[in-house]
Amino acid sequence: MEATRRIPGGDKERLWRYRTVAERLRSPGLGEYDTYGLAAIATRGGEDVMVIHDISRDSRTIGQMAALFTARRLSVLHFRDVVEDMLP
């Protein structure tokens, strides 16, 4: 799930988008498993600014987080802290 939102920043508006990152990882104790992370993307230039891997195995939760972060205009400066605070 992807969502976009304009964020004011100085004399130019900056557009951030948060998206789900699907991954297949391997762990000695678990074997192969599917997991999801989040990426913060700077729309100008389209580059990933920050990616947090292996947050949850629930794609729905991660999709909801991406939409919420975008809708609430989460600054990438607080991205990692907010993800950590939302984890059980």
N, C-alpha and C. Protein backbone atom coordinates (compact mmCIF):
# COMPACT_ATOMS: atom_id res chain seq x y z
N MET A 1 0.85 -1.17 0.00
CA MET A 1 0.00 0.00 0.00
C MET A 1 0.89 1.23 0.00
N GLU A 2 0.56 2.18 -0.85
CA GLU A 2 1.31 3.42 -0.91
C GLU A 2 0.36 4.60 -0.76
N ALA A 3 0.87 5.64 -0.16
CA ALA A 3 0.10 6.87 -0.02
C ALA A 3 1.08 8.03 -0.13
N THR A 4 0.60 9.18 -0.55
CA THR A 4 1.47 10.35 -0.66
C THR A 4 0.84 11.53 0.04
N ARG A 5 1.68 12.44 0.49
CA ARG A 5 1.20 13.65 1.17
C ARG A 5 2.25 14.73 1.05
N ARG A 6 1.85 15.96 0.78
CA ARG A 6 2.78 17.08 0.70
C ARG A 6 3.15 17.54 2.10
N ILE A 7 4.43 17.79 2.30
CA ILE A 7 4.92 18.27 3.59
C ILE A 7 5.66 19.57 3.35
N PRO A 8 5.24 20.65 4.05
CA PRO A 8 5.96 21.91 3.87
C PRO A 8 7.39 21.79 4.38
N GLY A 9 8.33 22.37 3.68
CA GLY A 9 9.72 22.33 4.11
C GLY A 9 10.50 23.49 3.55
N GLY A 10 10.69 24.54 4.34
CA GLY A 10 11.42 25.71 3.88
C GLY A 10 10.65 26.40 2.77
N ASP A 11 11.37 26.76 1.71
CA ASP A 11 10.72 27.46 0.61
C ASP A 11 10.14 26.50 -0.42
N LYS A 12 10.40 25.21 -0.28
CA LYS A 12 9.88 24.21 -1.20
C LYS A 12 9.08 23.17 -0.43
N GLU A 13 8.02 22.68 -1.06
CA GLU A 13 7.28 21.57 -0.43
C GLU A 13 8.03 20.28 -0.73
N ARG A 14 8.13 19.45 0.26
CA ARG A 14 8.77 18.16 0.09
C ARG A 14 7.69 17.11 0.16
N LEU A 15 7.73 16.17 -0.71
CA LEU A 15 6.72 15.13 -0.75
C LEU A 15 7.36 13.83 -0.28
N TRP A 16 6.85 13.29 0.81
CA TRP A 16 7.33 12.01 1.35
C TRP A 16 6.27 10.96 1.09
N ARG A 17 6.71 9.77 0.83
CA ARG A 17 5.80 8.64 0.67
C ARG A 17 6.39 7.48 1.45
N TYR A 18 5.57 6.81 2.19
CA TYR A 18 5.99 5.62 2.91
C TYR A 18 5.37 4.42 2.21
N ARG A 19 6.15 3.36 2.05
CA ARG A 19 5.64 2.17 1.37
C ARG A 19 6.11 0.89 2.05
N THR A 20 5.36 -0.15 1.80
CA THR A 20 5.69 -1.48 2.32
C THR A 20 6.82 -2.08 1.50
N VAL A 21 7.74 -2.76 2.18
CA VAL A 21 8.84 -3.47 1.53
C VAL A 21 8.67 -4.95 1.89
N ALA A 22 8.41 -5.79 0.89
CA ALA A 22 8.26 -7.23 1.10
C ALA A 22 9.62 -7.90 0.93
N GLU A 23 9.93 -8.83 1.84
CA GLU A 23 11.23 -9.52 1.80
C GLU A 23 11.05 -10.99 2.15
N ARG A 24 11.95 -11.81 1.67
CA ARG A 24 12.03 -13.20 2.08
C ARG A 24 13.40 -13.37 2.72
N LEU A 25 13.40 -13.71 4.00
CA LEU A 25 14.64 -13.84 4.75
C LEU A 25 14.84 -15.27 5.22
N ARG A 26 16.04 -15.55 5.67
CA ARG A 26 16.37 -16.88 6.20
C ARG A 26 17.01 -16.70 7.57
N SER A 27 16.56 -17.51 8.50
CA SER A 27 17.10 -17.50 9.86
C SER A 27 17.44 -18.93 10.23
N PRO A 28 18.54 -19.16 10.95
CA PRO A 28 18.90 -20.52 11.35
C PRO A 28 17.78 -21.21 12.15
N GLY A 29 17.09 -20.47 13.00
CA GLY A 29 16.04 -21.06 13.82
C GLY A 29 14.69 -21.16 13.14
N LEU A 30 14.44 -20.29 12.17
CA LEU A 30 13.12 -20.24 11.53
C LEU A 30 13.10 -20.76 10.10
N GLY A 31 14.25 -20.87 9.49
CA GLY A 31 14.29 -21.20 8.07
C GLY A 31 13.91 -19.98 7.26
N GLU A 32 13.34 -20.19 6.07
CA GLU A 32 12.90 -19.07 5.24
C GLU A 32 11.56 -18.56 5.72
N TYR A 33 11.39 -17.24 5.69
CA TYR A 33 10.11 -16.66 6.06
C TYR A 33 9.91 -15.34 5.33
N ASP A 34 8.63 -15.00 5.12
CA ASP A 34 8.27 -13.73 4.51
C ASP A 34 8.09 -12.70 5.60
N THR A 35 8.59 -11.50 5.35
CA THR A 35 8.48 -10.42 6.31
C THR A 35 8.31 -9.11 5.56
N TYR A 36 7.91 -8.07 6.29
CA TYR A 36 7.64 -6.77 5.68
C TYR A 36 8.32 -5.67 6.47
N GLY A 37 8.81 -4.69 5.74
CA GLY A 37 9.40 -3.52 6.35
C GLY A 37 8.78 -2.28 5.74
N LEU A 38 9.35 -1.12 6.05
CA LEU A 38 8.85 0.16 5.55
C LEU A 38 9.98 0.96 4.94
N ALA A 39 9.66 1.68 3.88
CA ALA A 39 10.61 2.59 3.26
C ALA A 39 10.03 3.99 3.24
N ALA A 40 10.86 4.97 3.56
CA ALA A 40 10.51 6.38 3.41
C ALA A 40 11.15 6.84 2.11
N ILE A 41 10.34 7.39 1.22
CA ILE A 41 10.82 7.77 -0.11
C ILE A 41 10.65 9.26 -0.31
N ALA A 42 11.69 9.91 -0.78
CA ALA A 42 11.61 11.31 -1.19
C ALA A 42 11.08 11.33 -2.61
N THR A 43 9.90 11.88 -2.78
CA THR A 43 9.28 11.86 -4.10
C THR A 43 10.11 12.61 -5.12
N ARG A 44 10.72 13.71 -4.72
CA ARG A 44 11.62 14.41 -5.64
C ARG A 44 12.89 13.57 -5.74
N GLY A 45 13.09 12.97 -6.87
CA GLY A 45 14.23 12.10 -7.06
C GLY A 45 13.86 10.64 -6.89
N GLY A 46 12.78 10.35 -6.17
CA GLY A 46 12.27 9.00 -6.02
C GLY A 46 13.17 8.02 -5.29
N GLU A 47 14.10 8.51 -4.50
CA GLU A 47 15.03 7.61 -3.83
C GLU A 47 14.56 7.25 -2.43
N ASP A 48 14.89 6.03 -2.00
CA ASP A 48 14.62 5.63 -0.62
C ASP A 48 15.54 6.43 0.29
N VAL A 49 14.95 7.11 1.26
CA VAL A 49 15.74 7.88 2.21
C VAL A 49 16.14 6.99 3.36
N MET A 50 15.22 6.12 3.77
CA MET A 50 15.48 5.21 4.87
C MET A 50 14.59 3.97 4.71
N VAL A 51 15.14 2.82 5.00
CA VAL A 51 14.37 1.57 4.97
C VAL A 51 14.58 0.87 6.31
N ILE A 52 13.48 0.44 6.89
CA ILE A 52 13.54 -0.37 8.11
C ILE A 52 13.05 -1.77 7.72
N HIS A 53 13.93 -2.75 7.82
CA HIS A 53 13.64 -4.11 7.38
C HIS A 53 13.03 -4.95 8.51
N ASP A 54 12.31 -6.00 8.11
CA ASP A 54 11.86 -7.07 9.01
C ASP A 54 11.12 -6.54 10.24
N ILE A 55 10.08 -5.73 10.01
CA ILE A 55 9.29 -5.18 11.11
C ILE A 55 8.23 -6.17 11.56
N SER A 56 7.55 -6.79 10.60
CA SER A 56 6.43 -7.67 10.94
C SER A 56 6.20 -8.67 9.81
N ARG A 57 5.56 -9.78 10.15
CA ARG A 57 5.17 -10.75 9.13
C ARG A 57 3.76 -10.47 8.63
N ASP A 58 3.12 -9.44 9.18
CA ASP A 58 1.75 -9.08 8.83
C ASP A 58 1.75 -7.91 7.84
N SER A 59 1.51 -8.19 6.58
CA SER A 59 1.55 -7.14 5.55
C SER A 59 0.47 -6.09 5.75
N ARG A 60 -0.66 -6.49 6.30
CA ARG A 60 -1.75 -5.55 6.53
C ARG A 60 -1.33 -4.46 7.54
N THR A 61 -0.73 -4.87 8.63
CA THR A 61 -0.26 -3.93 9.65
C THR A 61 0.74 -2.95 9.06
N ILE A 62 1.68 -3.45 8.29
CA ILE A 62 2.71 -2.60 7.70
C ILE A 62 2.09 -1.64 6.68
N GLY A 63 1.13 -2.11 5.91
CA GLY A 63 0.43 -1.24 4.97
C GLY A 63 -0.32 -0.12 5.68
N GLN A 64 -0.93 -0.45 6.80
CA GLN A 64 -1.64 0.56 7.59
C GLN A 64 -0.66 1.57 8.18
N MET A 65 0.49 1.11 8.62
CA MET A 65 1.51 2.02 9.13
C MET A 65 1.98 2.97 8.04
N ALA A 66 2.22 2.45 6.83
CA ALA A 66 2.67 3.29 5.71
C ALA A 66 1.64 4.37 5.42
N ALA A 67 0.38 3.99 5.37
CA ALA A 67 -0.68 4.96 5.09
C ALA A 67 -0.79 6.00 6.21
N LEU A 68 -0.70 5.56 7.45
CA LEU A 68 -0.79 6.46 8.60
C LEU A 68 0.37 7.45 8.62
N PHE A 69 1.59 6.96 8.41
CA PHE A 69 2.76 7.83 8.43
C PHE A 69 2.67 8.89 7.35
N THR A 70 2.20 8.50 6.18
CA THR A 70 2.06 9.45 5.08
C THR A 70 0.94 10.45 5.38
N ALA A 71 -0.20 9.96 5.83
CA ALA A 71 -1.34 10.84 6.11
C ALA A 71 -1.04 11.83 7.23
N ARG A 72 -0.28 11.39 8.22
CA ARG A 72 0.03 12.25 9.37
C ARG A 72 1.30 13.06 9.18
N ARG A 73 1.85 12.98 7.96
CA ARG A 73 3.04 13.77 7.61
C ARG A 73 4.23 13.51 8.53
N LEU A 74 4.47 12.25 8.80
CA LEU A 74 5.58 11.88 9.67
C LEU A 74 6.90 12.31 9.05
N SER A 75 7.68 13.04 9.80
CA SER A 75 9.01 13.42 9.35
C SER A 75 9.91 12.19 9.36
N VAL A 76 10.74 12.10 8.36
CA VAL A 76 11.67 10.98 8.29
C VAL A 76 12.63 10.99 9.49
N LEU A 77 12.79 12.16 10.12
CA LEU A 77 13.64 12.26 11.31
C LEU A 77 13.09 11.44 12.47
N HIS A 78 11.79 11.23 12.50
CA HIS A 78 11.15 10.49 13.59
C HIS A 78 10.71 9.08 13.18
N PHE A 79 10.97 8.72 11.96
CA PHE A 79 10.51 7.45 11.38
C PHE A 79 10.88 6.25 12.24
N ARG A 80 12.16 6.07 12.52
CA ARG A 80 12.62 4.90 13.27
C ARG A 80 12.02 4.86 14.69
N ASP A 81 11.98 6.00 15.36
CA ASP A 81 11.43 6.05 16.71
C ASP A 81 9.96 5.68 16.74
N VAL A 82 9.19 6.18 15.77
CA VAL A 82 7.76 5.88 15.74
C VAL A 82 7.53 4.40 15.46
N VAL A 83 8.29 3.82 14.55
CA VAL A 83 8.16 2.38 14.28
C VAL A 83 8.45 1.59 15.56
N GLU A 84 9.52 1.91 16.24
CA GLU A 84 9.86 1.21 17.49
C GLU A 84 8.76 1.36 18.54
N ASP A 85 8.19 2.57 18.64
CA ASP A 85 7.13 2.80 19.62
C ASP A 85 5.85 2.04 19.30
N MET A 86 5.61 1.74 18.03
CA MET A 86 4.38 1.04 17.63
C MET A 86 4.49 -0.48 17.75
N LEU A 87 5.68 -1.00 17.91
CA LEU A 87 5.85 -2.46 18.00
C LEU A 87 5.43 -2.97 19.37
N PRO A 88 4.80 -4.13 19.40
CA PRO A 88 4.38 -4.69 20.71
C PRO A 88 5.56 -5.12 21.56
